[in-house]
Amino acid sequence: MLEPAVVALRLLQYLGAMILLGSSLFLLYAPPGLRAGQAAALRWARPLLLAAGAALAIASLLQIAAQSIALSGSFAEGLKRETLEAVVAYMPQGKAALARAAAAILAMLALLLVPAGRLRLGIAAGFGAAATVSLVWMGHAAATEGALGPLHRLSDGLHVLAAAVWIGALAAFLALLLARPRSAEAQHALHTALAGFAGVGTAAVAVLLATGAVNSWILVGPDRIASLWTTPYGRLLALKVVLFLAMLGFAAANRYRLTPALARSLARTRDADAELAALRRSLTVEATLGVGVLLLVAWFGTLAPPAAG
């Protein structure tokens, strides 16, 4: 009964931290016409980041309660103050969850109290980065011992940071497209942002591939690849790879087909509604696949990897 709730809480923490970091970064490096506080079209920016922070804070605190319940073996004992304090005081996962909640709350305070602009976004991105890195202690890297431990945690930290850049940008692009920009200036700014993200997105994918290979080598091991399909962990990992490759396919279509099509339409100063609708559909599917990948990560993060056998 508790396991689905734990997976859901893990997913919310992944999404909250990555949107808080990635969407803030997107708004920092986006073209000036798209930056928060400079364009009326970005009224969604602060609510999106506040929602991400709230989801992260609540899910992190609830995870401490879930760990406490699992540790004690009952809801009544798990929700007692002394058990909750023990989880935070003695379990690295509990400390990390409390740190995530604190980072989320501080980011929300900055979003509410600091005037709109780059400083506010920079503070939100900083706390988002801290929360994202702390996700390492929610996964298998935290339990890796010996000489491989530091390497695994470094690799996993870079992995979640790169994922946050991609997921957060997807959330921002979707919000921009769902706002249905009508003016030629807004559509040109959107195209510039899409084209400008190409280099950042490519770098994020390269980091994801490299660190994913390192993490898999540590958790699976070269001598267990043949039997990977026989374990629940291995099957979920394989499905994650399939969804990730599908995401890459949609990202490539956006970069090499749909974004140039939007540019051609804007260059001819004609209506670009069809091109924007195509981008909206494609990014919606890509974002849905991204959520699917994070759900699988949240799920198989609760299972023993082959290397633990």
Protein backbone atom coordinates (compact mmCIF):
# COMPACT_ATOMS: atom_id res chain seq x y z
CA MET A 1 0.00 0.00 0.00
CA LEU A 2 2.83 2.37 0.86
CA GLU A 3 4.97 1.61 -2.22
CA PRO A 4 2.81 3.40 -4.87
CA ALA A 5 2.67 6.46 -2.61
CA VAL A 6 6.47 6.40 -2.25
CA VAL A 7 6.91 6.22 -6.03
CA ALA A 8 4.46 9.11 -6.50
CA LEU A 9 6.32 11.21 -3.92
CA ARG A 10 9.64 10.48 -5.62
CA LEU A 11 8.19 11.49 -8.99
CA LEU A 12 6.86 14.78 -7.57
CA GLN A 13 10.29 15.56 -6.13
CA TYR A 14 12.00 14.88 -9.45
CA LEU A 15 9.52 17.07 -11.31
CA GLY A 16 9.49 19.86 -8.73
CA ALA A 17 13.26 20.15 -8.44
CA MET A 18 13.90 19.89 -12.17
CA ILE A 19 11.26 22.44 -13.16
CA LEU A 20 12.44 24.82 -10.42
CA LEU A 21 16.00 24.64 -11.74
CA GLY A 22 15.49 24.09 -15.47
CA SER A 23 12.70 26.61 -16.05
CA SER A 24 14.53 29.29 -14.04
CA LEU A 25 17.67 28.69 -16.09
CA PHE A 26 15.65 28.80 -19.31
CA LEU A 27 14.28 32.22 -18.38
CA LEU A 28 17.79 33.42 -17.53
CA TYR A 29 19.36 32.47 -20.86
CA ALA A 30 16.25 33.07 -23.01
CA PRO A 31 16.17 36.03 -25.42
CA PRO A 32 15.49 39.37 -23.67
CA GLY A 33 11.96 39.47 -25.07
CA LEU A 34 11.09 36.33 -23.17
CA ARG A 35 12.66 37.06 -19.81
CA ALA A 36 10.41 37.21 -16.78
CA GLY A 37 9.40 40.73 -15.91
CA GLN A 38 10.00 41.97 -19.46
CA ALA A 39 7.17 40.31 -21.35
CA ALA A 40 3.50 40.17 -20.48
CA ALA A 41 3.39 36.73 -22.10
CA LEU A 42 5.40 35.37 -19.18
CA ARG A 43 2.78 35.84 -16.52
CA TRP A 44 2.88 32.05 -16.14
CA ALA A 45 6.55 32.03 -15.08
CA ARG A 46 6.25 32.78 -11.38
CA PRO A 47 3.14 30.58 -10.84
CA LEU A 48 4.92 27.68 -12.57
CA LEU A 49 8.01 28.03 -10.39
CA LEU A 50 5.93 28.50 -7.23
CA ALA A 51 3.90 25.38 -8.05
CA ALA A 52 7.12 23.41 -8.63
CA GLY A 53 8.53 24.64 -5.31
CA ALA A 54 5.34 23.81 -3.43
CA ALA A 55 5.17 20.30 -4.91
CA LEU A 56 8.82 19.73 -4.05
CA ALA A 57 8.49 20.96 -0.47
CA ILE A 58 5.33 18.98 0.29
CA ALA A 59 6.55 15.78 -1.38
CA SER A 60 9.92 15.99 0.40
CA LEU A 61 8.31 16.36 3.81
CA LEU A 62 5.85 13.57 3.07
CA GLN A 63 8.77 11.35 2.03
CA ILE A 64 10.26 11.79 5.50
CA ALA A 65 6.95 10.59 6.93
CA ALA A 66 6.86 7.66 4.50
CA GLN A 67 10.42 6.65 5.46
CA SER A 68 9.48 6.90 9.11
CA ILE A 69 6.43 4.68 8.61
CA ALA A 70 8.47 2.12 6.67
CA LEU A 71 11.17 2.15 9.35
CA SER A 72 8.75 1.65 12.24
CA GLY A 73 6.41 -0.73 10.45
CA SER A 74 3.20 1.12 11.29
CA PHE A 75 1.51 4.45 10.61
CA ALA A 76 0.96 5.21 14.28
CA GLU A 77 4.59 4.63 15.27
CA GLY A 78 5.96 6.19 12.10
CA LEU A 79 4.21 9.50 12.66
CA LYS A 80 5.49 9.90 16.20
CA ARG A 81 7.84 12.82 16.69
CA GLU A 82 10.76 10.73 17.92
CA THR A 83 10.60 8.42 14.88
CA LEU A 84 10.44 11.32 12.45
CA GLU A 85 13.38 12.99 14.19
CA ALA A 86 15.37 9.75 13.96
CA VAL A 87 14.83 9.59 10.19
CA VAL A 88 16.14 13.15 9.77
CA ALA A 89 18.97 12.78 12.28
CA TYR A 90 20.36 9.37 11.30
CA MET A 91 19.32 8.61 7.70
CA PRO A 92 21.08 10.37 4.79
CA GLN A 93 17.85 10.12 2.78
CA GLY A 94 16.00 11.94 5.56
CA LYS A 95 18.61 14.70 5.74
CA ALA A 96 18.48 15.12 1.95
CA ALA A 97 14.68 15.27 1.94
CA LEU A 98 14.71 17.96 4.63
CA ALA A 99 17.34 19.90 2.65
CA ARG A 100 15.14 19.68 -0.47
CA ALA A 101 12.14 20.98 1.42
CA ALA A 102 14.19 23.86 2.83
CA ALA A 103 15.59 24.74 -0.61
CA ALA A 104 12.10 24.70 -2.10
CA ILE A 105 10.70 26.95 0.63
CA LEU A 106 13.59 29.43 0.30
CA ALA A 107 13.12 29.50 -3.48
CA MET A 108 9.41 30.21 -3.02
CA LEU A 109 10.17 33.06 -0.61
CA ALA A 110 12.56 34.56 -3.16
CA LEU A 111 9.93 34.27 -5.89
CA LEU A 112 7.41 36.05 -3.67
CA LEU A 113 9.64 38.73 -2.12
CA VAL A 114 12.43 39.56 -4.59
CA PRO A 115 11.46 41.96 -7.42
CA ALA A 116 11.05 40.44 -10.88
CA GLY A 117 14.28 40.12 -12.80
CA ARG A 118 17.46 38.14 -13.17
CA LEU A 119 18.30 38.20 -9.46
CA ARG A 120 15.02 36.49 -8.56
CA LEU A 121 15.52 33.88 -11.26
CA GLY A 122 19.13 33.33 -10.22
CA ILE A 123 18.14 32.70 -6.61
CA ALA A 124 15.38 30.30 -7.68
CA ALA A 125 17.82 28.48 -9.99
CA GLY A 126 20.41 28.25 -7.20
CA PHE A 127 18.01 26.67 -4.74
CA GLY A 128 16.66 24.49 -7.55
CA ALA A 129 20.18 23.26 -8.26
CA ALA A 130 20.73 22.41 -4.59
CA ALA A 131 17.44 20.51 -4.50
CA THR A 132 18.24 18.69 -7.74
CA VAL A 133 21.68 17.57 -6.59
CA SER A 134 20.16 16.31 -3.33
CA LEU A 135 18.10 13.88 -5.42
CA VAL A 136 21.28 11.80 -5.65
CA TRP A 137 20.62 10.70 -2.03
CA MET A 138 17.19 9.46 -3.06
CA GLY A 139 18.71 6.94 -5.48
CA HIS A 140 21.13 4.03 -5.57
CA ALA A 141 24.22 6.24 -5.82
CA ALA A 142 23.88 7.13 -2.14
CA ALA A 143 24.32 3.47 -1.21
CA THR A 144 27.35 2.78 -3.43
CA GLU A 145 30.36 2.08 -1.24
CA GLY A 146 34.09 1.85 -1.76
CA ALA A 147 36.12 3.54 -4.47
CA LEU A 148 33.14 3.70 -6.85
CA GLY A 149 31.00 5.64 -4.37
CA PRO A 150 32.29 9.17 -5.10
CA LEU A 151 32.34 8.49 -8.86
CA HIS A 152 28.77 7.21 -8.81
CA ARG A 153 27.50 10.20 -6.83
CA LEU A 154 29.33 12.66 -9.08
CA SER A 155 27.98 10.97 -12.19
CA ASP A 156 24.44 10.81 -10.80
CA GLY A 157 24.62 14.47 -9.77
CA LEU A 158 25.59 15.53 -13.28
CA HIS A 159 22.88 13.22 -14.65
CA VAL A 160 20.04 14.83 -12.69
CA LEU A 161 21.34 18.35 -13.41
CA ALA A 162 21.38 17.67 -17.16
CA ALA A 163 17.90 16.15 -16.95
CA ALA A 164 16.69 19.27 -15.12
CA VAL A 165 17.97 21.53 -17.90
CA TRP A 166 15.98 19.52 -20.46
CA ILE A 167 12.80 18.93 -18.43
CA GLY A 168 12.67 22.52 -17.18
CA ALA A 169 13.07 23.92 -20.68
CA LEU A 170 10.30 21.63 -21.95
CA ALA A 171 7.98 22.95 -19.24
CA ALA A 172 8.82 26.54 -20.19
CA PHE A 173 8.39 25.96 -23.93
CA LEU A 174 5.03 24.28 -23.33
CA ALA A 175 3.87 27.18 -21.17
CA LEU A 176 4.90 29.61 -23.91
CA LEU A 177 3.08 27.66 -26.60
CA LEU A 178 -0.04 27.11 -24.51
CA ALA A 179 -0.18 30.89 -24.04
CA ARG A 180 -0.67 30.99 -27.85
CA PRO A 181 1.57 33.94 -28.79
CA ARG A 182 -0.27 36.08 -31.35
CA SER A 183 2.00 39.05 -32.06
CA ALA A 184 4.78 38.72 -34.61
CA GLU A 185 7.28 39.92 -31.97
CA ALA A 186 6.26 37.18 -29.52
CA GLN A 187 6.43 34.51 -32.23
CA HIS A 188 9.88 35.66 -33.34
CA ALA A 189 11.07 35.61 -29.72
CA LEU A 190 9.70 32.08 -29.32
CA HIS A 191 11.55 30.94 -32.45
CA THR A 192 14.76 32.54 -31.20
CA ALA A 193 14.38 30.69 -27.90
CA LEU A 194 13.74 27.37 -29.66
CA ALA A 195 16.73 27.81 -31.95
CA GLY A 196 18.93 29.03 -29.10
CA PHE A 197 18.15 26.01 -26.93
CA ALA A 198 19.57 23.66 -29.57
CA GLY A 199 23.14 23.96 -28.28
CA VAL A 200 22.13 23.74 -24.63
CA GLY A 201 19.89 20.75 -25.35
CA THR A 202 22.66 18.95 -27.24
CA ALA A 203 25.06 19.45 -24.33
CA ALA A 204 22.43 18.19 -21.86
CA VAL A 205 21.83 15.06 -23.96
CA ALA A 206 25.59 14.39 -24.21
CA VAL A 207 25.91 14.60 -20.41
CA LEU A 208 22.86 12.35 -19.95
CA LEU A 209 24.29 9.71 -22.28
CA ALA A 210 27.77 9.75 -20.71
CA THR A 211 26.59 9.71 -17.09
CA GLY A 212 23.84 7.21 -17.87
CA ALA A 213 26.48 4.84 -19.21
CA VAL A 214 28.60 5.27 -16.05
CA ASN A 215 25.61 4.75 -13.75
CA SER A 216 24.48 1.65 -15.64
CA TRP A 217 27.98 0.19 -15.61
CA ILE A 218 28.10 0.57 -11.82
CA LEU A 219 24.55 -0.61 -11.08
CA VAL A 220 24.32 -3.39 -13.65
CA GLY A 221 27.89 -4.40 -14.36
CA PRO A 222 29.21 -5.78 -17.66
CA ASP A 223 28.90 -9.38 -16.47
CA ARG A 224 25.15 -9.01 -15.77
CA ILE A 225 24.00 -7.41 -19.01
CA ALA A 226 22.88 -10.74 -20.49
CA SER A 227 20.59 -11.42 -17.53
CA LEU A 228 19.32 -7.84 -17.25
CA TRP A 229 15.95 -8.70 -18.80
CA THR A 230 15.24 -11.29 -16.12
CA THR A 231 14.94 -8.71 -13.30
CA PRO A 232 12.18 -6.13 -12.67
CA TYR A 233 14.89 -3.46 -12.41
CA GLY A 234 16.33 -4.44 -15.77
CA ARG A 235 12.97 -4.42 -17.55
CA LEU A 236 12.11 -0.98 -16.20
CA LEU A 237 15.57 0.29 -17.14
CA ALA A 238 15.11 -1.03 -20.69
CA LEU A 239 11.73 0.72 -20.94
CA LYS A 240 13.33 3.93 -19.71
CA VAL A 241 15.91 3.71 -22.51
CA VAL A 242 13.12 3.23 -25.07
CA LEU A 243 11.23 6.30 -23.80
CA PHE A 244 14.45 8.32 -23.70
CA LEU A 245 15.21 7.44 -27.32
CA ALA A 246 11.66 8.44 -28.26
CA MET A 247 12.26 11.79 -26.53
CA LEU A 248 15.40 12.22 -28.59
CA GLY A 249 13.40 11.54 -31.74
CA PHE A 250 10.84 14.24 -30.94
CA ALA A 251 13.59 16.66 -29.89
CA ALA A 252 15.34 16.08 -33.23
CA ALA A 253 12.07 16.68 -35.11
CA ASN A 254 11.56 19.92 -33.20
CA ARG A 255 15.08 21.11 -33.94
CA TYR A 256 15.51 20.07 -37.57
CA ARG A 257 11.96 20.17 -38.95
CA LEU A 258 9.42 22.09 -36.88
CA THR A 259 11.57 25.03 -35.72
CA PRO A 260 12.90 25.72 -39.27
CA ALA A 261 9.32 25.49 -40.55
CA LEU A 262 8.31 28.18 -38.04
CA ALA A 263 11.24 30.32 -39.18
CA ARG A 264 10.19 30.04 -42.83
CA SER A 265 6.62 30.98 -41.98
CA LEU A 266 7.75 34.02 -39.98
CA ALA A 267 10.12 35.08 -42.76
CA ARG A 268 7.19 35.17 -45.17
CA THR A 269 5.22 37.27 -42.64
CA ARG A 270 2.29 34.92 -42.91
CA ASP A 271 0.14 33.24 -40.28
CA ALA A 272 2.18 30.69 -38.29
CA ASP A 273 -0.69 29.06 -36.38
CA ALA A 274 -0.21 25.69 -38.12
CA GLU A 275 3.52 25.59 -37.31
CA LEU A 276 2.90 26.63 -33.71
CA ALA A 277 0.21 23.96 -33.34
CA ALA A 278 2.60 21.31 -34.67
CA LEU A 279 5.26 22.41 -32.19
CA ARG A 280 2.71 22.39 -29.39
CA ARG A 281 1.72 18.80 -30.17
CA SER A 282 5.30 17.62 -30.51
CA LEU A 283 6.48 19.25 -27.28
CA THR A 284 3.45 17.89 -25.42
CA VAL A 285 4.37 14.35 -26.46
CA GLU A 286 8.05 14.95 -25.63
CA ALA A 287 7.15 16.29 -22.20
CA THR A 288 4.79 13.36 -21.58
CA LEU A 289 7.60 10.95 -22.44
CA GLY A 290 9.85 12.89 -20.04
CA VAL A 291 7.36 12.42 -17.22
CA GLY A 292 7.23 8.73 -18.13
CA VAL A 293 11.02 8.49 -17.86
CA LEU A 294 10.98 10.15 -14.44
CA LEU A 295 8.17 7.85 -13.29
CA LEU A 296 10.27 4.83 -14.23
CA VAL A 297 13.30 6.30 -12.45
CA ALA A 298 11.16 6.88 -9.36
CA TRP A 299 9.93 3.30 -9.60
CA PHE A 300 13.11 1.34 -10.22
CA GLY A 301 14.88 3.53 -7.67
CA THR A 302 12.96 1.52 -5.07
CA LEU A 303 14.19 -1.83 -6.50
CA ALA A 304 17.49 -3.57 -5.95
CA PRO A 305 19.81 -3.20 -8.97
CA PRO A 306 21.49 -6.29 -10.50
CA ALA A 307 24.87 -5.31 -9.03
CA ALA A 308 23.39 -5.64 -5.54
CA GLY A 309 22.65 -9.31 -6.12
